[in-house]
Amino acid sequence: MKIISHSVKDTFNLAKKMAAELHGGEVLCLIGDLGAGKTAFTKGLAAGLGVTNTITSPSFVLMKVYPVTFSSPLRKGRLGGVECLAHIDAYRLSDGGQLADIGVLDYFKDSNCITVIEWADRVYPVKLLDKYVKLKCNMEKFVKNLKPDELGVFNRVKDIWPKQVIKIEFKILKGDKREIKIVS
């Protein structure tokens, strides 16, 4: 699904509405250039989940975990238990193994947590997984056809990443416009 956002407020509101559809356990991989709207999206998602803390990009601490309060009007009456939002900034990381070092695996496996990773393409083999999906083959055949450098990347992250992620790509258009593509 592609959406055109005309402002930071549009991006914020899109994510806020999307929060109402999440049940817990989702991993959102945000991909896009600097200033494309990844943090604005995360702020909207947090607002929609009922996070009351101020959301800032965890560029230097790498990960921040926020409690969900369930006070959001969008979440009223929902069953289920999203209890936290784990917000990761992977800009300074070079592979998925470094995510494991900061403790992200605990959140990947937590069905009561939503995990958002800004700059996910720096640690998640997005291009390789896109290639896998396009080839429509089994994993064994896929791995056999990887180039040596691709195989190295794949091996560093294959055991870390959850099977299902929601990939959200941000593309800067003219002015404040952004193209947001959501792929699950």
C-alpha atoms as a PDB file:
ATOM      1  CA  MET A   1       0.000   0.000   0.000  1.00  0.00           C
ATOM      2  CA  LYS A   2       1.365   3.446  -0.956  1.00  0.00           C
ATOM      3  CA  ILE A   3       0.261   6.608   0.783  1.00  0.00           C
ATOM      4  CA  ILE A   4       1.232  10.209   0.088  1.00  0.00           C
ATOM      5  CA  SER A   5       1.752  12.253   3.224  1.00  0.00           C
ATOM      6  CA  HIS A   6       1.562  16.007   2.718  1.00  0.00           C
ATOM      7  CA  SER A   7       3.071  16.966   6.069  1.00  0.00           C
ATOM      8  CA  VAL A   8       4.664  15.750   9.268  1.00  0.00           C
ATOM      9  CA  LYS A   9       1.184  15.897  10.805  1.00  0.00           C
ATOM     10  CA  ASP A  10      -0.163  13.557   8.085  1.00  0.00           C
ATOM     11  CA  THR A  11       2.650  11.083   8.773  1.00  0.00           C
ATOM     12  CA  PHE A  12       1.999  11.307  12.520  1.00  0.00           C
ATOM     13  CA  ASN A  13      -1.753  10.732  12.031  1.00  0.00           C
ATOM     14  CA  LEU A  14      -1.231   7.806   9.653  1.00  0.00           C
ATOM     15  CA  ALA A  15       0.890   6.034  12.259  1.00  0.00           C
ATOM     16  CA  LYS A  16      -1.538   6.933  15.038  1.00  0.00           C
ATOM     17  CA  LYS A  17      -4.355   5.220  13.115  1.00  0.00           C
ATOM     18  CA  MET A  18      -2.123   2.252  12.305  1.00  0.00           C
ATOM     19  CA  ALA A  19      -1.480   1.735  16.023  1.00  0.00           C
ATOM     20  CA  ALA A  20      -5.132   0.768  16.481  1.00  0.00           C
ATOM     21  CA  GLU A  21      -4.600  -2.208  14.166  1.00  0.00           C
ATOM     22  CA  LEU A  22      -1.593  -3.643  15.993  1.00  0.00           C
ATOM     23  CA  HIS A  23      -2.032  -6.487  18.458  1.00  0.00           C
ATOM     24  CA  GLY A  24       1.459  -6.963  19.875  1.00  0.00           C
ATOM     25  CA  GLY A  25       4.491  -8.833  18.671  1.00  0.00           C
ATOM     26  CA  GLU A  26       4.834  -6.825  15.465  1.00  0.00           C
ATOM     27  CA  VAL A  27       8.227  -5.608  14.263  1.00  0.00           C
ATOM     28  CA  LEU A  28       8.078  -2.493  12.083  1.00  0.00           C
ATOM     29  CA  CYS A  29      11.156  -1.911   9.911  1.00  0.00           C
ATOM     30  CA  LEU A  30      11.356   1.760   8.928  1.00  0.00           C
ATOM     31  CA  ILE A  31      13.527   2.528   5.917  1.00  0.00           C
ATOM     32  CA  GLY A  32      14.278   5.919   4.389  1.00  0.00           C
ATOM     33  CA  ASP A  33      16.704   8.777   4.118  1.00  0.00           C
ATOM     34  CA  LEU A  34      17.431  11.297   6.852  1.00  0.00           C
ATOM     35  CA  GLY A  35      14.404  13.549   7.275  1.00  0.00           C
ATOM     36  CA  ALA A  36      12.034  11.200   5.469  1.00  0.00           C
ATOM     37  CA  GLY A  37       9.610  10.865   8.388  1.00  0.00           C
ATOM     38  CA  LYS A  38      10.688   7.778  10.342  1.00  0.00           C
ATOM     39  CA  THR A  39      10.723   9.471  13.743  1.00  0.00           C
ATOM     40  CA  ALA A  40       7.491  11.400  13.034  1.00  0.00           C
ATOM     41  CA  PHE A  41       5.886   8.065  12.204  1.00  0.00           C
ATOM     42  CA  THR A  42       7.178   6.523  15.439  1.00  0.00           C
ATOM     43  CA  LYS A  43       5.836   9.469  17.441  1.00  0.00           C
ATOM     44  CA  GLY A  44       2.393   8.971  15.880  1.00  0.00           C
ATOM     45  CA  LEU A  45       2.493   5.253  16.547  1.00  0.00           C
ATOM     46  CA  ALA A  46       3.403   5.924  20.184  1.00  0.00           C
ATOM     47  CA  ALA A  47       0.541   8.410  20.529  1.00  0.00           C
ATOM     48  CA  GLY A  48      -1.878   5.885  19.056  1.00  0.00           C
ATOM     49  CA  LEU A  49      -0.697   3.228  21.492  1.00  0.00           C
ATOM     50  CA  GLY A  50      -1.147   5.564  24.448  1.00  0.00           C
ATOM     51  CA  VAL A  51       2.510   6.180  25.241  1.00  0.00           C
ATOM     52  CA  THR A  52       2.674   9.363  27.317  1.00  0.00           C
ATOM     53  CA  ASN A  53       6.456   9.802  27.291  1.00  0.00           C
ATOM     54  CA  THR A  54       8.094  12.243  24.876  1.00  0.00           C
ATOM     55  CA  ILE A  55       9.447  10.240  21.942  1.00  0.00           C
ATOM     56  CA  THR A  56      12.900  11.127  20.667  1.00  0.00           C
ATOM     57  CA  SER A  57      15.134   9.198  18.327  1.00  0.00           C
ATOM     58  CA  PRO A  58      17.428   6.906  20.337  1.00  0.00           C
ATOM     59  CA  SER A  59      20.408   7.698  18.105  1.00  0.00           C
ATOM     60  CA  PHE A  60      23.050   7.503  20.822  1.00  0.00           C
ATOM     61  CA  VAL A  61      21.478   5.047  23.262  1.00  0.00           C
ATOM     62  CA  LEU A  62      20.308   2.821  20.354  1.00  0.00           C
ATOM     63  CA  MET A  63      17.091   1.667  22.054  1.00  0.00           C
ATOM     64  CA  LYS A  64      14.403   3.130  24.281  1.00  0.00           C
ATOM     65  CA  VAL A  65      11.464   1.211  25.687  1.00  0.00           C
ATOM     66  CA  TYR A  66       8.244   3.057  26.514  1.00  0.00           C
ATOM     67  CA  PRO A  67       5.305   1.750  28.559  1.00  0.00           C
ATOM     68  CA  VAL A  68       1.876   1.757  26.906  1.00  0.00           C
ATOM     69  CA  THR A  69      -0.847   3.262  29.091  1.00  0.00           C
ATOM     70  CA  PHE A  70      -3.953   2.149  27.165  1.00  0.00           C
ATOM     71  CA  SER A  71      -5.370   5.652  27.568  1.00  0.00           C
ATOM     72  CA  SER A  72      -5.498   6.241  23.827  1.00  0.00           C
ATOM     73  CA  PRO A  73      -9.071   6.684  22.523  1.00  0.00           C
ATOM     74  CA  LEU A  74      -8.124   4.531  19.516  1.00  0.00           C
ATOM     75  CA  ARG A  75      -7.358   1.568  21.773  1.00  0.00           C
ATOM     76  CA  LYS A  76     -10.387   1.748  24.097  1.00  0.00           C
ATOM     77  CA  GLY A  77     -12.233  -1.511  24.386  1.00  0.00           C
ATOM     78  CA  ARG A  78      -9.511  -3.519  22.672  1.00  0.00           C
ATOM     79  CA  LEU A  79      -8.574  -6.821  24.120  1.00  0.00           C
ATOM     80  CA  GLY A  80      -5.007  -7.953  24.180  1.00  0.00           C
ATOM     81  CA  GLY A  81      -2.013  -6.617  25.833  1.00  0.00           C
ATOM     82  CA  VAL A  82       0.379  -4.300  24.130  1.00  0.00           C
ATOM     83  CA  GLU A  83       2.393  -3.212  27.128  1.00  0.00           C
ATOM     84  CA  CYS A  84       5.414  -1.531  25.566  1.00  0.00           C
ATOM     85  CA  LEU A  85       6.920   0.114  22.522  1.00  0.00           C
ATOM     86  CA  ALA A  86      10.583  -0.697  21.845  1.00  0.00           C
ATOM     87  CA  HIS A  87      12.104   2.046  19.668  1.00  0.00           C
ATOM     88  CA  ILE A  88      15.449   1.261  18.054  1.00  0.00           C
ATOM     89  CA  ASP A  89      17.690   3.494  15.951  1.00  0.00           C
ATOM     90  CA  ALA A  90      20.029   1.265  13.942  1.00  0.00           C
ATOM     91  CA  TYR A  91      21.862   4.050  12.114  1.00  0.00           C
ATOM     92  CA  ARG A  92      25.112   3.446  13.995  1.00  0.00           C
ATOM     93  CA  LEU A  93      24.921  -0.355  13.702  1.00  0.00           C
ATOM     94  CA  SER A  94      26.324  -2.469  10.897  1.00  0.00           C
ATOM     95  CA  ASP A  95      24.613  -5.846  11.276  1.00  0.00           C
ATOM     96  CA  GLY A  96      21.860  -7.705  13.061  1.00  0.00           C
ATOM     97  CA  GLY A  97      24.293  -9.272  15.512  1.00  0.00           C
ATOM     98  CA  GLN A  98      24.775  -5.873  17.110  1.00  0.00           C
ATOM     99  CA  LEU A  99      21.032  -5.736  17.768  1.00  0.00           C
ATOM    100  CA  ALA A 100      21.297  -8.920  19.789  1.00  0.00           C
ATOM    101  CA  ASP A 101      24.038  -7.275  21.835  1.00  0.00           C
ATOM    102  CA  ILE A 102      21.697  -4.489  22.968  1.00  0.00           C
ATOM    103  CA  GLY A 103      18.974  -6.944  24.017  1.00  0.00           C
ATOM    104  CA  VAL A 104      16.475  -6.500  21.210  1.00  0.00           C
ATOM    105  CA  LEU A 105      15.747 -10.230  20.985  1.00  0.00           C
ATOM    106  CA  ASP A 106      13.716  -9.991  24.188  1.00  0.00           C
ATOM    107  CA  TYR A 107      11.368  -7.560  22.442  1.00  0.00           C
ATOM    108  CA  PHE A 108      11.206  -9.487  19.153  1.00  0.00           C
ATOM    109  CA  LYS A 109       9.844 -12.457  21.066  1.00  0.00           C
ATOM    110  CA  ASP A 110       7.450 -10.482  23.288  1.00  0.00           C
ATOM    111  CA  SER A 111       3.853 -10.657  22.079  1.00  0.00           C
ATOM    112  CA  ASN A 112       3.039  -7.743  24.406  1.00  0.00           C
ATOM    113  CA  CYS A 113       5.463  -5.370  22.709  1.00  0.00           C
ATOM    114  CA  ILE A 114       5.576  -3.481  19.415  1.00  0.00           C
ATOM    115  CA  THR A 115       9.129  -3.034  18.080  1.00  0.00           C
ATOM    116  CA  VAL A 116      10.020  -0.175  15.724  1.00  0.00           C
ATOM    117  CA  ILE A 117      13.437  -0.090  14.059  1.00  0.00           C
ATOM    118  CA  GLU A 118      14.515   3.112  12.322  1.00  0.00           C
ATOM    119  CA  TRP A 119      17.219   2.601   9.684  1.00  0.00           C
ATOM    120  CA  ALA A 120      16.283  -1.091   9.595  1.00  0.00           C
ATOM    121  CA  ASP A 121      18.025  -1.587   6.265  1.00  0.00           C
ATOM    122  CA  ARG A 122      21.374  -1.144   8.035  1.00  0.00           C
ATOM    123  CA  VAL A 123      20.840  -4.297  10.092  1.00  0.00           C
ATOM    124  CA  TYR A 124      18.087  -6.229   8.341  1.00  0.00           C
ATOM    125  CA  PRO A 125      18.740  -7.916   4.988  1.00  0.00           C
ATOM    126  CA  VAL A 126      15.839  -6.146   3.283  1.00  0.00           C
ATOM    127  CA  LYS A 127      17.240  -6.558  -0.218  1.00  0.00           C
ATOM    128  CA  LEU A 128      17.971 -10.227   0.362  1.00  0.00           C
ATOM    129  CA  LEU A 129      14.503 -10.927   1.688  1.00  0.00           C
ATOM    130  CA  ASP A 130      12.945  -9.013  -1.202  1.00  0.00           C
ATOM    131  CA  LYS A 131      15.004 -11.230  -3.505  1.00  0.00           C
ATOM    132  CA  TYR A 132      13.803 -14.338  -1.674  1.00  0.00           C
ATOM    133  CA  VAL A 133      10.153 -13.316  -2.023  1.00  0.00           C
ATOM    134  CA  LYS A 134      10.581 -12.571  -5.747  1.00  0.00           C
ATOM    135  CA  LEU A 135      12.272 -15.941  -6.400  1.00  0.00           C
ATOM    136  CA  LYS A 136       9.399 -17.830  -4.749  1.00  0.00           C
ATOM    137  CA  CYS A 137      11.684 -20.692  -3.777  1.00  0.00           C
ATOM    138  CA  ASN A 138      12.454 -22.641  -0.638  1.00  0.00           C
ATOM    139  CA  MET A 139      15.099 -21.401   1.784  1.00  0.00           C
ATOM    140  CA  GLU A 140      17.652 -24.077   0.859  1.00  0.00           C
ATOM    141  CA  LYS A 141      17.573 -23.133  -2.831  1.00  0.00           C
ATOM    142  CA  PHE A 142      17.654 -19.441  -1.955  1.00  0.00           C
ATOM    143  CA  VAL A 143      20.759 -19.776   0.230  1.00  0.00           C
ATOM    144  CA  LYS A 144      22.502 -21.885  -2.416  1.00  0.00           C
ATOM    145  CA  ASN A 145      22.067 -19.056  -4.956  1.00  0.00           C
ATOM    146  CA  LEU A 146      23.428 -16.252  -2.778  1.00  0.00           C
ATOM    147  CA  LYS A 147      26.702 -14.558  -3.661  1.00  0.00           C
ATOM    148  CA  PRO A 148      29.422 -14.877  -0.974  1.00  0.00           C
ATOM    149  CA  ASP A 149      28.901 -11.337   0.363  1.00  0.00           C
ATOM    150  CA  GLU A 150      25.108 -11.839   0.446  1.00  0.00           C
ATOM    151  CA  LEU A 151      25.545 -15.131   2.269  1.00  0.00           C
ATOM    152  CA  GLY A 152      27.712 -13.395   4.876  1.00  0.00           C
ATOM    153  CA  VAL A 153      25.014 -10.793   5.546  1.00  0.00           C
ATOM    154  CA  PHE A 154      22.299 -13.421   5.617  1.00  0.00           C
ATOM    155  CA  ASN A 155      24.169 -15.663   8.062  1.00  0.00           C
ATOM    156  CA  ARG A 156      24.759 -12.783  10.498  1.00  0.00           C
ATOM    157  CA  VAL A 157      21.056 -12.048  10.840  1.00  0.00           C
ATOM    158  CA  LYS A 158      19.046 -15.137   9.887  1.00  0.00           C
ATOM    159  CA  ASP A 159      18.647 -16.429  13.429  1.00  0.00           C
ATOM    160  CA  ILE A 160      17.875 -13.039  14.907  1.00  0.00           C
ATOM    161  CA  TRP A 161      15.034 -11.724  12.785  1.00  0.00           C
ATOM    162  CA  PRO A 162      11.427 -12.627  13.389  1.00  0.00           C
ATOM    163  CA  LYS A 163       9.652 -14.363  10.519  1.00  0.00           C
ATOM    164  CA  GLN A 164       7.088 -11.619  10.025  1.00  0.00           C
ATOM    165  CA  VAL A 165       7.923  -7.944   9.821  1.00  0.00           C
ATOM    166  CA  ILE A 166       6.096  -4.923   8.501  1.00  0.00           C
ATOM    167  CA  LYS A 167       8.402  -3.002   6.205  1.00  0.00           C
ATOM    168  CA  ILE A 168       7.635   0.709   5.885  1.00  0.00           C
ATOM    169  CA  GLU A 169       9.594   2.669   3.292  1.00  0.00           C
ATOM    170  CA  PHE A 170       9.724   6.464   3.322  1.00  0.00           C
ATOM    171  CA  LYS A 171      10.599   8.428   0.197  1.00  0.00           C
ATOM    172  CA  ILE A 172      11.081  12.195   0.182  1.00  0.00           C
ATOM    173  CA  LEU A 173       9.072  13.947  -2.524  1.00  0.00           C
ATOM    174  CA  LYS A 174       8.832  17.696  -3.146  1.00  0.00           C
ATOM    175  CA  GLY A 175       8.516  19.989  -0.139  1.00  0.00           C
ATOM    176  CA  ASP A 176       6.947  18.259   2.848  1.00  0.00           C
ATOM    177  CA  LYS A 177       5.415  15.448   0.776  1.00  0.00           C
ATOM    178  CA  ARG A 178       6.471  11.884   1.500  1.00  0.00           C
ATOM    179  CA  GLU A 179       5.604   8.606  -0.156  1.00  0.00           C
ATOM    180  CA  ILE A 180       5.050   5.951   2.491  1.00  0.00           C
ATOM    181  CA  LYS A 181       4.934   2.359   1.298  1.00  0.00           C
ATOM    182  CA  ILE A 182       3.747  -0.292   3.743  1.00  0.00           C
ATOM    183  CA  VAL A 183       4.621  -3.902   2.951  1.00  0.00           C
ATOM    184  CA  SER A 184       3.792  -6.766   5.298  1.00  0.00           C
END
